[in-house]
Amino acid sequence: MPDRAPHATSTTERGAFCTARCDCGWRGPARRARSQARTDAERHLAEAGVGSGSEGNGSGRPLE
């Protein structure tokens, strides 16, 4: 739908913490484990109703 913000996730690191972010403006909590930040991003995509492969990297996984 053209009126919806795109959902492409990525993770960023700051010190010992990793945070998942989305192009729509969503941001997950800071995590010490990268795997947990990626899980946060996957949950966000599922809640947003984005199908697998609809994000920027086409793999169904958040970008790092």
N, C-alpha and C. Protein backbone atom coordinates (compact mmCIF):
# COMPACT_ATOMS: atom_id res chain seq x y z
N MET A 1 0.84 -1.18 0.00
CA MET A 1 0.00 0.00 0.00
C MET A 1 0.88 1.25 0.00
N PRO A 2 0.60 2.21 -0.83
CA PRO A 2 1.45 3.38 -0.93
C PRO A 2 1.44 4.27 0.30
N ASP A 3 0.37 4.25 1.12
CA ASP A 3 0.30 5.13 2.27
C ASP A 3 1.00 4.57 3.50
N ARG A 4 1.50 3.35 3.44
CA ARG A 4 2.20 2.75 4.58
C ARG A 4 3.70 2.96 4.45
N ALA A 5 4.34 3.18 5.60
CA ALA A 5 5.79 3.33 5.61
C ALA A 5 6.44 1.99 5.29
N PRO A 6 7.55 2.01 4.55
CA PRO A 6 8.25 0.75 4.26
C PRO A 6 8.88 0.18 5.53
N HIS A 7 9.02 -1.12 5.55
CA HIS A 7 9.63 -1.79 6.70
C HIS A 7 10.89 -2.52 6.24
N ALA A 8 12.02 -1.91 6.48
CA ALA A 8 13.32 -2.53 6.21
C ALA A 8 14.12 -2.37 7.49
N THR A 9 14.50 -3.49 8.08
CA THR A 9 15.18 -3.45 9.37
C THR A 9 16.69 -3.55 9.23
N SER A 10 17.37 -3.06 10.24
CA SER A 10 18.82 -3.18 10.33
C SER A 10 19.18 -3.20 11.81
N THR A 11 20.43 -3.54 12.10
CA THR A 11 20.90 -3.47 13.47
C THR A 11 22.09 -2.53 13.52
N THR A 12 22.22 -1.81 14.63
CA THR A 12 23.35 -0.93 14.84
C THR A 12 23.96 -1.24 16.20
N GLU A 13 25.24 -1.03 16.30
CA GLU A 13 25.94 -1.30 17.56
C GLU A 13 26.49 -0.02 18.14
N ARG A 14 26.38 0.07 19.45
CA ARG A 14 26.97 1.19 20.21
C ARG A 14 27.57 0.58 21.46
N GLY A 15 28.88 0.54 21.50
CA GLY A 15 29.56 -0.10 22.63
C GLY A 15 29.21 -1.57 22.67
N ALA A 16 28.78 -2.04 23.84
CA ALA A 16 28.44 -3.45 24.03
C ALA A 16 27.00 -3.77 23.66
N PHE A 17 26.27 -2.79 23.14
CA PHE A 17 24.84 -2.98 22.88
C PHE A 17 24.51 -2.95 21.40
N CYS A 18 23.50 -3.69 21.02
CA CYS A 18 23.01 -3.77 19.65
C CYS A 18 21.52 -3.42 19.66
N THR A 19 21.10 -2.61 18.71
CA THR A 19 19.70 -2.17 18.63
C THR A 19 19.16 -2.43 17.23
N ALA A 20 17.95 -2.96 17.16
CA ALA A 20 17.28 -3.15 15.87
C ALA A 20 16.49 -1.88 15.56
N ARG A 21 16.50 -1.51 14.28
CA ARG A 21 15.76 -0.32 13.83
C ARG A 21 15.05 -0.64 12.53
N CYS A 22 14.02 0.15 12.25
CA CYS A 22 13.25 -0.03 11.02
C CYS A 22 13.08 1.32 10.34
N ASP A 23 12.97 1.30 9.01
CA ASP A 23 12.77 2.53 8.25
C ASP A 23 11.48 3.25 8.61
N CYS A 24 10.52 2.55 9.21
CA CYS A 24 9.25 3.17 9.59
C CYS A 24 9.38 4.04 10.84
N GLY A 25 10.53 3.96 11.53
CA GLY A 25 10.75 4.75 12.73
C GLY A 25 10.79 3.92 14.00
N TRP A 26 10.40 2.66 13.92
CA TRP A 26 10.42 1.78 15.09
C TRP A 26 11.87 1.53 15.51
N ARG A 27 12.09 1.40 16.80
CA ARG A 27 13.40 1.05 17.33
C ARG A 27 13.22 0.11 18.51
N GLY A 28 13.95 -0.98 18.50
CA GLY A 28 13.88 -1.95 19.58
C GLY A 28 14.77 -1.54 20.74
N PRO A 29 14.66 -2.28 21.84
CA PRO A 29 15.51 -1.99 23.00
C PRO A 29 16.97 -2.37 22.75
N ALA A 30 17.87 -1.75 23.47
CA ALA A 30 19.29 -2.10 23.38
C ALA A 30 19.48 -3.49 23.97
N ARG A 31 20.21 -4.32 23.26
CA ARG A 31 20.46 -5.70 23.69
C ARG A 31 21.95 -5.97 23.68
N ARG A 32 22.39 -6.83 24.56
CA ARG A 32 23.79 -7.24 24.54
C ARG A 32 24.02 -8.32 23.48
N ALA A 33 23.01 -9.08 23.16
CA ALA A 33 23.14 -10.16 22.18
C ALA A 33 22.60 -9.70 20.83
N ARG A 34 23.43 -9.77 19.79
CA ARG A 34 22.97 -9.42 18.44
C ARG A 34 21.80 -10.28 18.02
N SER A 35 21.83 -11.55 18.40
CA SER A 35 20.75 -12.46 18.02
C SER A 35 19.40 -11.99 18.57
N GLN A 36 19.40 -11.44 19.78
CA GLN A 36 18.15 -10.96 20.36
C GLN A 36 17.67 -9.70 19.64
N ALA A 37 18.58 -8.83 19.23
CA ALA A 37 18.19 -7.65 18.47
C ALA A 37 17.58 -8.07 17.13
N ARG A 38 18.16 -9.09 16.49
CA ARG A 38 17.60 -9.59 15.22
C ARG A 38 16.22 -10.19 15.45
N THR A 39 16.04 -10.89 16.58
CA THR A 39 14.72 -11.44 16.91
C THR A 39 13.71 -10.32 17.12
N ASP A 40 14.12 -9.24 17.78
CA ASP A 40 13.23 -8.08 17.94
C ASP A 40 12.78 -7.55 16.58
N ALA A 41 13.73 -7.46 15.65
CA ALA A 41 13.40 -6.96 14.31
C ALA A 41 12.44 -7.90 13.59
N GLU A 42 12.67 -9.20 13.70
CA GLU A 42 11.79 -10.17 13.07
C GLU A 42 10.38 -10.09 13.64
N ARG A 43 10.27 -9.91 14.95
CA ARG A 43 8.95 -9.75 15.57
C ARG A 43 8.26 -8.49 15.09
N HIS A 44 9.02 -7.41 14.95
CA HIS A 44 8.44 -6.16 14.45
C HIS A 44 7.88 -6.36 13.05
N LEU A 45 8.65 -7.03 12.19
CA LEU A 45 8.19 -7.27 10.82
C LEU A 45 6.93 -8.14 10.81
N ALA A 46 6.89 -9.14 11.69
CA ALA A 46 5.72 -10.01 11.76
C ALA A 46 4.49 -9.22 12.22
N GLU A 47 4.68 -8.35 13.23
CA GLU A 47 3.57 -7.54 13.72
C GLU A 47 3.11 -6.52 12.68
N ALA A 48 4.03 -6.07 11.84
CA ALA A 48 3.69 -5.11 10.80
C ALA A 48 3.04 -5.79 9.60
N GLY A 49 3.07 -7.13 9.58
CA GLY A 49 2.46 -7.86 8.48
C GLY A 49 3.30 -7.92 7.23
N VAL A 50 4.62 -7.78 7.40
CA VAL A 50 5.53 -7.83 6.27
C VAL A 50 5.89 -9.28 6.02
N GLY A 51 5.71 -9.73 4.80
CA GLY A 51 6.05 -11.11 4.45
C GLY A 51 7.54 -11.31 4.33
N SER A 52 7.97 -12.54 4.41
CA SER A 52 9.37 -12.86 4.29
C SER A 52 9.90 -12.41 2.94
N GLY A 53 11.06 -11.76 2.96
CA GLY A 53 11.68 -11.31 1.73
C GLY A 53 11.22 -9.94 1.28
N SER A 54 10.37 -9.27 2.04
CA SER A 54 9.89 -7.96 1.64
C SER A 54 10.77 -6.83 2.13
N GLU A 55 11.81 -7.16 2.87
CA GLU A 55 12.69 -6.12 3.38
C GLU A 55 13.88 -5.95 2.46
N GLY A 56 14.73 -5.01 2.79
CA GLY A 56 15.80 -4.59 1.92
C GLY A 56 16.74 -5.67 1.44
N ASN A 57 17.05 -6.68 2.24
CA ASN A 57 18.04 -7.66 1.82
C ASN A 57 17.43 -8.88 1.14
N GLY A 58 16.13 -9.03 1.17
CA GLY A 58 15.46 -10.11 0.46
C GLY A 58 15.64 -11.48 1.08
N SER A 59 16.28 -11.57 2.24
CA SER A 59 16.53 -12.88 2.83
C SER A 59 15.55 -13.23 3.94
N GLY A 60 14.69 -12.29 4.31
CA GLY A 60 13.80 -12.54 5.43
C GLY A 60 14.45 -12.29 6.77
N ARG A 61 15.68 -11.82 6.76
CA ARG A 61 16.42 -11.51 7.99
C ARG A 61 16.73 -10.01 8.00
N PRO A 62 16.85 -9.41 9.18
CA PRO A 62 17.21 -8.00 9.23
C PRO A 62 18.62 -7.76 8.73
N LEU A 63 18.85 -6.61 8.17
CA LEU A 63 20.18 -6.22 7.71
C LEU A 63 21.07 -5.96 8.91
N GLU A 64 22.36 -6.19 8.77
CA GLU A 64 23.29 -5.89 9.86
C GLU A 64 24.29 -4.86 9.40
